[in-house]
Amino acid sequence: MKKALIILFIFTALGCQSTGNKFAGLCQVEEQSDTFTNKMRVEFTNCWVAAGESVWDTPVYKFGFVWLEDQPDIIQVNLTYDSTVGGQSYTNFESIMINIDGNREVTKELSDTILDSSGYNNVSNTIYTSSRAAARIDMRVFENMMISNDVRIRINTSNGYSDYVFHLSENGMTKYAKYDLDKFVTAVNKYR
């Protein structure tokens, strides 16, 4: 009976996480045709990437990925930092560095950071803020990131840098971007 309850709890927790991600719009694959070019756009919405090997290492930035049919050899990497006025409100993204199997593969400057905020929220008594920027990397680099055993990402900002462990796809019950990116790759490959 005890084993059955533990198994039921695990499946319930995993189901709740999946449902929670869907409800929050995290780690979802969206396919749509551009109304101007009639070309496909495939997006992997914002998702967490592991900030370290330990489950206690908390990620700061969310990562998203976009592929466009009219630029098939490019992947756009979107970075987002969400905060509140009470915390460290904003950050300015500067560059992204990707290290694949010990080789610094690419350093890309990020686009100008877009700073945004909500109005005052009477329920939580705060103002929510957002910092967003993007970089473009070669599809070859992205494909290598997906198949390599050791991929590390460094995000340089006006506040210093943060390192992420991209190859880590699941740590305990926490799932990270690479865990769900196979669905994104499958969607992209339908149009390549």
N, C-alpha and C. Protein backbone atom coordinates (compact mmCIF):
# COMPACT_ATOMS: atom_id res chain seq x y z
N MET A 1 0.82 -1.20 0.00
CA MET A 1 0.00 0.00 0.00
C MET A 1 0.87 1.27 0.00
N LYS A 2 1.95 1.23 0.80
CA LYS A 2 2.84 2.37 0.88
C LYS A 2 3.47 2.67 -0.48
N LYS A 3 3.92 1.60 -1.18
CA LYS A 3 4.52 1.77 -2.51
C LYS A 3 3.52 2.37 -3.48
N ALA A 4 2.29 1.91 -3.42
CA ALA A 4 1.25 2.41 -4.33
C ALA A 4 1.02 3.90 -4.09
N LEU A 5 1.00 4.34 -2.84
CA LEU A 5 0.81 5.75 -2.53
C LEU A 5 1.99 6.60 -3.01
N ILE A 6 3.20 6.08 -2.85
CA ILE A 6 4.38 6.81 -3.32
C ILE A 6 4.35 6.95 -4.83
N ILE A 7 4.04 5.88 -5.54
CA ILE A 7 3.96 5.92 -7.00
C ILE A 7 2.86 6.88 -7.44
N LEU A 8 1.72 6.85 -6.78
CA LEU A 8 0.62 7.76 -7.11
C LEU A 8 1.05 9.21 -6.90
N PHE A 9 1.76 9.48 -5.80
CA PHE A 9 2.24 10.83 -5.52
C PHE A 9 3.19 11.31 -6.62
N ILE A 10 4.11 10.47 -7.03
CA ILE A 10 5.09 10.85 -8.06
C ILE A 10 4.37 11.19 -9.37
N PHE A 11 3.45 10.32 -9.81
CA PHE A 11 2.73 10.60 -11.06
C PHE A 11 1.87 11.85 -10.95
N THR A 12 1.27 12.08 -9.79
CA THR A 12 0.47 13.28 -9.59
C THR A 12 1.34 14.52 -9.66
N ALA A 13 2.51 14.47 -9.00
CA ALA A 13 3.42 15.62 -9.01
C ALA A 13 3.91 15.93 -10.41
N LEU A 14 4.27 14.88 -11.16
CA LEU A 14 4.73 15.09 -12.54
C LEU A 14 3.61 15.66 -13.40
N GLY A 15 2.41 15.17 -13.22
CA GLY A 15 1.27 15.68 -13.97
C GLY A 15 0.97 17.12 -13.63
N CYS A 16 1.09 17.46 -12.34
CA CYS A 16 0.86 18.84 -11.91
C CYS A 16 1.89 19.78 -12.51
N GLN A 17 3.16 19.32 -12.56
CA GLN A 17 4.21 20.16 -13.13
C GLN A 17 3.94 20.41 -14.60
N SER A 18 3.58 19.36 -15.33
CA SER A 18 3.29 19.50 -16.76
C SER A 18 2.10 20.43 -16.97
N THR A 19 1.05 20.26 -16.18
CA THR A 19 -0.13 21.11 -16.28
C THR A 19 0.21 22.54 -15.88
N GLY A 20 1.03 22.68 -14.83
CA GLY A 20 1.45 24.01 -14.39
C GLY A 20 2.24 24.73 -15.47
N ASN A 21 3.16 24.03 -16.13
CA ASN A 21 3.93 24.63 -17.21
C ASN A 21 3.01 25.07 -18.34
N LYS A 22 2.05 24.23 -18.68
CA LYS A 22 1.12 24.56 -19.76
C LYS A 22 0.28 25.78 -19.37
N PHE A 23 -0.21 25.80 -18.14
CA PHE A 23 -1.03 26.92 -17.66
C PHE A 23 -0.22 28.22 -17.67
N ALA A 24 1.06 28.14 -17.29
CA ALA A 24 1.92 29.33 -17.23
C ALA A 24 2.53 29.68 -18.59
N GLY A 25 2.33 28.82 -19.59
CA GLY A 25 2.91 29.07 -20.91
C GLY A 25 4.39 28.78 -20.98
N LEU A 26 4.92 28.01 -20.03
CA LEU A 26 6.35 27.67 -20.01
C LEU A 26 6.60 26.40 -20.79
N CYS A 27 7.73 26.34 -21.49
CA CYS A 27 8.22 25.11 -22.13
C CYS A 27 7.23 24.53 -23.14
N GLN A 28 6.52 25.38 -23.85
CA GLN A 28 5.53 24.92 -24.82
C GLN A 28 6.02 25.16 -26.24
N VAL A 29 5.65 24.28 -27.16
CA VAL A 29 5.99 24.44 -28.57
C VAL A 29 4.78 25.04 -29.28
N GLU A 30 5.01 26.14 -29.98
CA GLU A 30 3.95 26.80 -30.73
C GLU A 30 4.36 26.91 -32.19
N GLU A 31 3.48 26.46 -33.09
CA GLU A 31 3.73 26.53 -34.53
C GLU A 31 2.69 27.45 -35.14
N GLN A 32 3.14 28.39 -35.97
CA GLN A 32 2.18 29.26 -36.64
C GLN A 32 2.75 29.75 -37.96
N SER A 33 1.85 30.00 -38.88
CA SER A 33 2.23 30.50 -40.19
C SER A 33 2.21 32.03 -40.15
N ASP A 34 3.28 32.65 -40.64
CA ASP A 34 3.36 34.10 -40.70
C ASP A 34 2.38 34.60 -41.75
N THR A 35 1.53 35.53 -41.39
CA THR A 35 0.50 36.00 -42.32
C THR A 35 1.08 36.83 -43.46
N PHE A 36 2.28 37.36 -43.30
CA PHE A 36 2.90 38.18 -44.35
C PHE A 36 3.69 37.33 -45.33
N THR A 37 4.53 36.42 -44.82
CA THR A 37 5.40 35.62 -45.69
C THR A 37 4.83 34.24 -45.99
N ASN A 38 3.83 33.83 -45.23
CA ASN A 38 3.24 32.49 -45.35
C ASN A 38 4.25 31.39 -45.01
N LYS A 39 5.28 31.75 -44.27
CA LYS A 39 6.30 30.79 -43.82
C LYS A 39 6.00 30.42 -42.37
N MET A 40 6.51 29.26 -41.97
CA MET A 40 6.25 28.78 -40.62
C MET A 40 7.21 29.38 -39.61
N ARG A 41 6.69 29.56 -38.41
CA ARG A 41 7.45 30.03 -37.25
C ARG A 41 7.21 29.01 -36.15
N VAL A 42 8.29 28.46 -35.58
CA VAL A 42 8.18 27.49 -34.49
C VAL A 42 8.87 28.10 -33.28
N GLU A 43 8.14 28.17 -32.18
CA GLU A 43 8.69 28.79 -30.97
C GLU A 43 8.62 27.81 -29.81
N PHE A 44 9.67 27.80 -29.02
CA PHE A 44 9.71 27.10 -27.75
C PHE A 44 9.65 28.20 -26.70
N THR A 45 8.52 28.29 -26.00
CA THR A 45 8.32 29.40 -25.07
C THR A 45 9.28 29.30 -23.89
N ASN A 46 9.39 30.39 -23.17
CA ASN A 46 10.35 30.48 -22.06
C ASN A 46 10.32 29.26 -21.15
N CYS A 47 11.51 28.83 -20.78
CA CYS A 47 11.67 27.66 -19.91
C CYS A 47 12.94 27.86 -19.09
N TRP A 48 13.02 27.18 -17.97
CA TRP A 48 14.22 27.27 -17.13
C TRP A 48 15.32 26.38 -17.68
N VAL A 49 16.56 26.77 -17.50
CA VAL A 49 17.74 25.95 -17.75
C VAL A 49 18.44 25.82 -16.40
N ALA A 50 18.95 24.63 -16.10
CA ALA A 50 19.56 24.38 -14.80
C ALA A 50 20.69 25.37 -14.53
N ALA A 51 20.69 25.93 -13.31
CA ALA A 51 21.73 26.89 -12.94
C ALA A 51 22.95 26.21 -12.36
N GLY A 52 22.89 24.91 -12.14
CA GLY A 52 24.01 24.16 -11.60
C GLY A 52 23.64 22.70 -11.49
N GLU A 53 24.53 21.92 -10.95
CA GLU A 53 24.30 20.47 -10.84
C GLU A 53 23.33 20.13 -9.71
N SER A 54 23.20 21.00 -8.72
CA SER A 54 22.35 20.73 -7.57
C SER A 54 20.93 21.23 -7.79
N VAL A 55 19.97 20.54 -7.24
CA VAL A 55 18.57 20.97 -7.33
C VAL A 55 18.37 22.30 -6.59
N TRP A 56 19.30 22.67 -5.72
CA TRP A 56 19.19 23.91 -4.95
C TRP A 56 19.72 25.11 -5.71
N ASP A 57 20.41 24.90 -6.84
CA ASP A 57 20.91 26.00 -7.65
C ASP A 57 19.74 26.59 -8.44
N THR A 58 19.34 27.78 -8.09
CA THR A 58 18.14 28.38 -8.66
C THR A 58 18.46 29.20 -9.90
N PRO A 59 17.79 28.89 -11.03
CA PRO A 59 18.01 29.69 -12.24
C PRO A 59 17.42 31.09 -12.10
N VAL A 60 18.04 32.05 -12.74
CA VAL A 60 17.59 33.44 -12.69
C VAL A 60 16.87 33.82 -13.98
N TYR A 61 17.41 33.36 -15.12
CA TYR A 61 16.88 33.76 -16.41
C TYR A 61 16.15 32.59 -17.07
N LYS A 62 15.13 32.92 -17.86
CA LYS A 62 14.43 31.91 -18.66
C LYS A 62 14.91 32.01 -20.10
N PHE A 63 14.93 30.86 -20.77
CA PHE A 63 15.38 30.75 -22.15
C PHE A 63 14.22 30.34 -23.04
N GLY A 64 14.14 30.92 -24.23
CA GLY A 64 13.19 30.50 -25.25
C GLY A 64 13.94 30.38 -26.57
N PHE A 65 13.36 29.65 -27.52
CA PHE A 65 14.02 29.44 -28.81
C PHE A 65 13.00 29.62 -29.93
N VAL A 66 13.44 30.24 -31.04
CA VAL A 66 12.55 30.48 -32.18
C VAL A 66 13.27 30.08 -33.46
N TRP A 67 12.55 29.35 -34.33
CA TRP A 67 13.06 29.00 -35.66
C TRP A 67 12.07 29.54 -36.69
N LEU A 68 12.62 30.15 -37.76
CA LEU A 68 11.79 30.69 -38.84
C LEU A 68 12.10 29.95 -40.14
N GLU A 69 11.08 29.58 -40.87
CA GLU A 69 11.26 28.82 -42.11
C GLU A 69 12.06 29.60 -43.14
N ASP A 70 11.92 30.94 -43.15
CA ASP A 70 12.67 31.72 -44.15
C ASP A 70 14.11 32.00 -43.71
N GLN A 71 14.51 31.54 -42.52
CA GLN A 71 15.91 31.60 -42.06
C GLN A 71 16.24 30.26 -41.41
N PRO A 72 16.24 29.17 -42.18
CA PRO A 72 16.29 27.82 -41.62
C PRO A 72 17.58 27.45 -40.91
N ASP A 73 18.65 28.20 -41.11
CA ASP A 73 19.93 27.86 -40.50
C ASP A 73 20.23 28.66 -39.24
N ILE A 74 19.22 29.35 -38.73
CA ILE A 74 19.40 30.23 -37.56
C ILE A 74 18.37 29.85 -36.49
N ILE A 75 18.83 29.87 -35.24
CA ILE A 75 17.93 29.74 -34.09
C ILE A 75 18.07 31.03 -33.28
N GLN A 76 16.96 31.62 -32.94
CA GLN A 76 16.99 32.79 -32.07
C GLN A 76 16.84 32.32 -30.63
N VAL A 77 17.74 32.77 -29.77
CA VAL A 77 17.68 32.46 -28.35
C VAL A 77 17.13 33.69 -27.64
N ASN A 78 15.99 33.52 -26.96
CA ASN A 78 15.37 34.62 -26.22
C ASN A 78 15.68 34.46 -24.74
N LEU A 79 16.09 35.53 -24.10
CA LEU A 79 16.36 35.53 -22.66
C LEU A 79 15.39 36.46 -21.96
N THR A 80 14.90 36.03 -20.81
CA THR A 80 13.95 36.83 -20.05
C THR A 80 14.35 36.83 -18.58
N TYR A 81 14.27 37.99 -17.97
CA TYR A 81 14.45 38.13 -16.53
C TYR A 81 13.22 38.80 -15.97
N ASP A 82 12.50 38.09 -15.13
CA ASP A 82 11.29 38.63 -14.49
C ASP A 82 11.60 38.95 -13.04
N SER A 83 11.13 40.10 -12.57
CA SER A 83 11.37 40.48 -11.19
C SER A 83 10.25 41.39 -10.73
N THR A 84 10.48 42.06 -9.64
CA THR A 84 9.54 43.04 -9.13
C THR A 84 10.31 44.30 -8.78
N VAL A 85 9.58 45.40 -8.63
CA VAL A 85 10.23 46.66 -8.27
C VAL A 85 10.93 46.51 -6.92
N GLY A 86 10.39 45.69 -6.04
CA GLY A 86 10.98 45.49 -4.71
C GLY A 86 12.29 44.72 -4.76
N GLY A 87 12.52 43.92 -5.80
CA GLY A 87 13.75 43.15 -5.92
C GLY A 87 14.73 43.87 -6.82
N GLN A 88 15.61 43.12 -7.46
CA GLN A 88 16.50 43.71 -8.46
C GLN A 88 15.65 43.86 -9.72
N SER A 89 15.15 45.05 -9.95
CA SER A 89 14.09 45.28 -10.92
C SER A 89 14.43 44.85 -12.35
N TYR A 90 15.59 45.24 -12.85
CA TYR A 90 15.93 45.00 -14.25
C TYR A 90 17.38 44.51 -14.36
N THR A 91 17.70 43.99 -15.53
CA THR A 91 19.08 43.72 -15.87
C THR A 91 19.27 44.06 -17.35
N ASN A 92 20.46 44.41 -17.75
CA ASN A 92 20.77 44.63 -19.17
C ASN A 92 21.59 43.44 -19.66
N PHE A 93 21.02 42.68 -20.59
CA PHE A 93 21.72 41.54 -21.16
C PHE A 93 22.80 42.04 -22.12
N GLU A 94 23.99 41.44 -22.06
CA GLU A 94 25.09 41.87 -22.92
C GLU A 94 25.50 40.81 -23.93
N SER A 95 25.78 39.58 -23.47
CA SER A 95 26.20 38.54 -24.42
C SER A 95 25.89 37.16 -23.86
N ILE A 96 25.91 36.19 -24.76
CA ILE A 96 25.72 34.79 -24.39
C ILE A 96 26.94 34.01 -24.89
N MET A 97 27.48 33.16 -24.04
CA MET A 97 28.63 32.32 -24.40
C MET A 97 28.19 30.87 -24.27
N ILE A 98 28.54 30.05 -25.25
CA ILE A 98 28.15 28.64 -25.25
C ILE A 98 29.41 27.79 -25.29
N ASN A 99 29.54 26.88 -24.34
CA ASN A 99 30.67 25.97 -24.24
C ASN A 99 30.14 24.55 -24.44
N ILE A 100 30.60 23.91 -25.52
CA ILE A 100 30.14 22.56 -25.85
C ILE A 100 31.30 21.60 -25.69
N ASP A 101 31.14 20.67 -24.76
CA ASP A 101 32.17 19.65 -24.48
C ASP A 101 33.56 20.26 -24.26
N GLY A 102 33.60 21.37 -23.52
CA GLY A 102 34.88 21.99 -23.18
C GLY A 102 35.42 22.96 -24.19
N ASN A 103 34.73 23.14 -25.33
CA ASN A 103 35.17 24.08 -26.36
C ASN A 103 34.23 25.28 -26.39
N ARG A 104 34.78 26.47 -26.20
CA ARG A 104 33.92 27.65 -26.27
C ARG A 104 33.50 27.81 -27.72
N GLU A 105 32.27 27.44 -27.98
CA GLU A 105 31.74 27.35 -29.35
C GLU A 105 31.40 28.71 -29.93
N VAL A 106 30.77 29.55 -29.13
CA VAL A 106 30.28 30.79 -29.69
C VAL A 106 30.09 31.83 -28.58
N THR A 107 30.35 33.07 -28.92
CA THR A 107 29.98 34.20 -28.07
C THR A 107 29.17 35.13 -28.95
N LYS A 108 27.99 35.45 -28.52
CA LYS A 108 27.12 36.31 -29.31
C LYS A 108 26.67 37.50 -28.47
N GLU A 109 26.76 38.67 -29.07
CA GLU A 109 26.21 39.85 -28.42
C GLU A 109 24.69 39.75 -28.48
N LEU A 110 24.04 40.21 -27.45
CA LEU A 110 22.58 40.18 -27.41
C LEU A 110 22.02 41.50 -27.94
N SER A 111 20.79 41.44 -28.43
CA SER A 111 20.12 42.65 -28.89
C SER A 111 19.94 43.60 -27.71
N ASP A 112 19.56 44.83 -28.01
CA ASP A 112 19.27 45.76 -26.93
C ASP A 112 18.22 45.16 -26.01
N THR A 113 18.42 45.32 -24.73
CA THR A 113 17.48 44.78 -23.75
C THR A 113 16.21 45.62 -23.73
N ILE A 114 15.08 44.94 -23.79
CA ILE A 114 13.78 45.60 -23.70
C ILE A 114 13.34 45.54 -22.23
N LEU A 115 13.11 46.71 -21.64
CA LEU A 115 12.69 46.79 -20.25
C LEU A 115 11.20 47.11 -20.21
N ASP A 116 10.47 46.36 -19.40
CA ASP A 116 9.02 46.52 -19.37
C ASP A 116 8.53 46.37 -17.93
N SER A 117 7.36 46.89 -17.65
CA SER A 117 6.77 46.70 -16.32
C SER A 117 5.26 46.74 -16.42
N SER A 118 4.64 46.10 -15.45
CA SER A 118 3.18 46.11 -15.36
C SER A 118 2.76 47.33 -14.55
N GLY A 119 1.48 47.55 -14.49
CA GLY A 119 0.99 48.57 -13.58
C GLY A 119 1.03 48.01 -12.16
N TYR A 120 0.66 48.83 -11.21
CA TYR A 120 0.65 48.40 -9.81
C TYR A 120 -0.40 47.30 -9.63
N ASN A 121 -0.01 46.19 -9.00
CA ASN A 121 -0.91 45.07 -8.76
C ASN A 121 -1.44 45.17 -7.34
N ASN A 122 -2.75 45.43 -7.21
CA ASN A 122 -3.35 45.61 -5.89
C ASN A 122 -3.39 44.33 -5.07
N VAL A 123 -3.41 43.17 -5.72
CA VAL A 123 -3.47 41.90 -5.01
C VAL A 123 -2.12 41.61 -4.34
N SER A 124 -1.03 41.71 -5.10
CA SER A 124 0.29 41.40 -4.55
C SER A 124 1.02 42.65 -4.04
N ASN A 125 0.42 43.81 -4.25
CA ASN A 125 1.01 45.08 -3.81
C ASN A 125 2.41 45.31 -4.36
N THR A 126 2.57 45.07 -5.65
CA THR A 126 3.88 45.29 -6.26
C THR A 126 3.72 45.61 -7.75
N ILE A 127 4.83 45.96 -8.38
CA ILE A 127 4.90 46.16 -9.82
C ILE A 127 5.84 45.11 -10.38
N TYR A 128 5.39 44.33 -11.35
CA TYR A 128 6.22 43.29 -11.95
C TYR A 128 7.01 43.87 -13.11
N THR A 129 8.28 43.49 -13.19
CA THR A 129 9.16 44.01 -14.23
C THR A 129 9.69 42.87 -15.09
N SER A 130 10.15 43.22 -16.28
CA SER A 130 10.68 42.23 -17.21
C SER A 130 11.81 42.85 -18.02
N SER A 131 12.88 42.05 -18.20
CA SER A 131 13.99 42.43 -19.08
C SER A 131 14.10 41.33 -20.13
N ARG A 132 14.15 41.70 -21.42
CA ARG A 132 14.21 40.70 -22.49
C ARG A 132 15.23 41.10 -23.54
N ALA A 133 15.93 40.08 -24.08
CA ALA A 133 16.88 40.30 -25.17
C ALA A 133 16.99 39.01 -25.97
N ALA A 134 17.60 39.09 -27.15
CA ALA A 134 17.72 37.91 -28.03
C ALA A 134 19.08 37.89 -28.72
N ALA A 135 19.49 36.68 -29.07
CA ALA A 135 20.71 36.48 -29.87
C ALA A 135 20.39 35.43 -30.92
N ARG A 136 21.14 35.44 -32.01
CA ARG A 136 20.94 34.46 -33.08
C ARG A 136 22.17 33.55 -33.14
N ILE A 137 21.93 32.24 -33.12
CA ILE A 137 23.03 31.28 -33.23
C ILE A 137 22.76 30.37 -34.43
N ASP A 138 23.82 29.77 -34.95
CA ASP A 138 23.69 28.85 -36.08
C ASP A 138 22.94 27.59 -35.65
N MET A 139 22.15 27.05 -36.55
CA MET A 139 21.44 25.80 -36.29
C MET A 139 22.42 24.69 -35.94
N ARG A 140 23.61 24.70 -36.56
CA ARG A 140 24.62 23.69 -36.28
C ARG A 140 25.01 23.71 -34.80
N VAL A 141 25.17 24.92 -34.24
CA VAL A 141 25.51 25.05 -32.82
C VAL A 141 24.38 24.51 -31.96
N PHE A 142 23.15 24.87 -32.31
CA PHE A 142 22.00 24.39 -31.54
C PHE A 142 21.90 22.86 -31.59
N GLU A 143 22.10 22.28 -32.77
CA GLU A 143 22.05 20.82 -32.90
C GLU A 143 23.14 20.16 -32.07
N ASN A 144 24.34 20.77 -32.04
CA ASN A 144 25.41 20.24 -31.20
C ASN A 144 25.05 20.35 -29.71
N MET A 145 24.37 21.42 -29.34
CA MET A 145 23.93 21.57 -27.96
C MET A 145 22.98 20.45 -27.57
N MET A 146 22.15 20.03 -28.50
CA MET A 146 21.14 19.01 -28.20
C MET A 146 21.75 17.62 -28.05
N ILE A 147 22.87 17.34 -28.74
CA ILE A 147 23.41 15.98 -28.70
C ILE A 147 24.65 15.83 -27.81
N SER A 148 25.21 16.93 -27.36
CA SER A 148 26.45 16.86 -26.57
C SER A 148 26.18 16.54 -25.11
N ASN A 149 27.19 15.96 -24.47
CA ASN A 149 27.06 15.53 -23.08
C ASN A 149 27.35 16.63 -22.07
N ASP A 150 28.04 17.67 -22.47
CA ASP A 150 28.40 18.74 -21.54
C ASP A 150 28.27 20.08 -22.24
N VAL A 151 27.17 20.78 -21.96
CA VAL A 151 26.92 22.08 -22.59
C VAL A 151 26.66 23.09 -21.48
N ARG A 152 27.46 24.14 -21.48
CA ARG A 152 27.33 25.19 -20.47
C ARG A 152 27.12 26.53 -21.16
N ILE A 153 26.27 27.33 -20.56
CA ILE A 153 25.93 28.63 -21.12
C ILE A 153 26.25 29.70 -20.08
N ARG A 154 26.91 30.76 -20.50
CA ARG A 154 27.16 31.89 -19.61
C ARG A 154 26.42 33.10 -20.17
N ILE A 155 25.63 33.73 -19.32
CA ILE A 155 24.92 34.95 -19.69
C ILE A 155 25.60 36.12 -19.00
N ASN A 156 26.15 37.03 -19.79
CA ASN A 156 26.80 38.23 -19.26
C ASN A 156 25.79 39.37 -19.26
N THR A 157 25.69 40.03 -18.12
CA THR A 157 24.75 41.15 -17.97
C THR A 157 25.45 42.32 -17.30
N SER A 158 24.73 43.40 -17.16
CA SER A 158 25.28 44.56 -16.45
C SER A 158 25.51 44.26 -14.98
N ASN A 159 24.95 43.16 -14.48
CA ASN A 159 25.10 42.79 -13.07
C ASN A 159 26.13 41.68 -12.88
N GLY A 160 26.92 41.35 -13.90
CA GLY A 160 27.88 40.25 -13.81
C GLY A 160 27.48 39.14 -14.76
N TYR A 161 27.70 37.89 -14.35
CA TYR A 161 27.33 36.78 -15.22
C TYR A 161 26.66 35.68 -14.41
N SER A 162 25.92 34.83 -15.13
CA SER A 162 25.29 33.65 -14.55
C SER A 162 25.59 32.47 -15.47
N ASP A 163 25.95 31.34 -14.88
CA ASP A 163 26.24 30.14 -15.65
C ASP A 163 25.09 29.14 -15.56
N TYR A 164 24.86 28.44 -16.67
CA TYR A 164 23.77 27.46 -16.76
C TYR A 164 24.29 26.15 -17.33
N VAL A 165 23.69 25.06 -16.89
CA VAL A 165 24.07 23.71 -17.31
C VAL A 165 22.98 23.21 -18.26
N PHE A 166 23.17 23.46 -19.55
CA PHE A 166 22.13 23.16 -20.54
C PHE A 166 21.89 21.66 -20.67
N HIS A 167 22.95 20.85 -20.56
CA HIS A 167 22.80 19.40 -20.80
C HIS A 167 21.99 18.71 -19.70
N LEU A 168 21.81 19.37 -18.57
CA LEU A 168 21.03 18.77 -17.49
C LEU A 168 19.55 18.95 -17.82
N SER A 169 18.85 17.84 -18.08
CA SER A 169 17.46 17.96 -18.51
C SER A 169 16.48 17.66 -17.40
N GLU A 170 16.92 16.99 -16.36
CA GLU A 170 16.00 16.70 -15.26
C GLU A 170 16.82 16.46 -14.00
N ASN A 171 16.44 17.13 -12.95
CA ASN A 171 17.13 16.98 -11.67
C ASN A 171 16.07 16.73 -10.62
N GLY A 172 15.94 15.48 -10.17
CA GLY A 172 14.84 15.14 -9.27
C GLY A 172 13.54 15.28 -10.02
N MET A 173 12.62 16.03 -9.46
CA MET A 173 11.33 16.23 -10.14
C MET A 173 11.32 17.52 -10.95
N THR A 174 12.45 18.25 -10.98
CA THR A 174 12.52 19.49 -11.73
C THR A 174 12.98 19.19 -13.15
N LYS A 175 12.21 19.61 -14.13
CA LYS A 175 12.58 19.41 -15.53
C LYS A 175 13.06 20.74 -16.10
N TYR A 176 14.11 20.66 -16.91
CA TYR A 176 14.67 21.86 -17.50
C TYR A 176 14.47 21.84 -19.01
N ALA A 177 14.83 22.95 -19.67
CA ALA A 177 14.53 23.16 -21.09
C ALA A 177 14.88 21.97 -21.97
N LYS A 178 16.06 21.39 -21.81
CA LYS A 178 16.47 20.33 -22.74
C LYS A 178 15.51 19.14 -22.68
N TYR A 179 14.87 18.93 -21.54
CA TYR A 179 13.92 17.83 -21.39
C TYR A 179 12.78 17.95 -22.41
N ASP A 180 12.32 19.17 -22.64
CA ASP A 180 11.17 19.40 -23.54
C ASP A 180 11.57 19.84 -24.94
N LEU A 181 12.84 20.15 -25.18
CA LEU A 181 13.25 20.69 -26.48
C LEU A 181 13.16 19.68 -27.61
N ASP A 182 13.11 18.39 -27.32
CA ASP A 182 12.94 17.39 -28.39
C ASP A 182 11.66 17.66 -29.18
N LYS A 183 10.61 18.10 -28.49
CA LYS A 183 9.34 18.42 -29.17
C LYS A 183 9.53 19.60 -30.13
N PHE A 184 10.35 20.57 -29.72
CA PHE A 184 10.66 21.72 -30.56
C PHE A 184 11.42 21.28 -31.80
N VAL A 185 12.45 20.44 -31.63
CA VAL A 185 13.25 19.94 -32.75
C VAL A 185 12.38 19.15 -33.72
N THR A 186 11.50 18.32 -33.20
CA THR A 186 10.59 17.54 -34.05
C THR A 186 9.71 18.48 -34.88
N ALA A 187 9.19 19.53 -34.25
CA ALA A 187 8.35 20.49 -34.97
C ALA A 187 9.14 21.22 -36.06
N VAL A 188 10.37 21.65 -35.73
CA VAL A 188 11.22 22.35 -36.71
C VAL A 188 11.51 21.44 -37.90
N ASN A 189 11.83 20.19 -37.63
CA ASN A 189 12.20 19.25 -38.70
C ASN A 189 11.06 18.96 -39.66
N LYS A 190 9.83 19.22 -39.27
CA LYS A 190 8.69 19.05 -40.20
C LYS A 190 8.76 20.03 -41.35
N TYR A 191 9.40 21.20 -41.12
CA TYR A 191 9.40 22.27 -42.11
C TYR A 191 10.76 22.50 -42.77
N ARG A 192 11.78 21.75 -42.37
CA ARG A 192 13.13 21.95 -42.92
C ARG A 192 13.30 21.15 -44.21
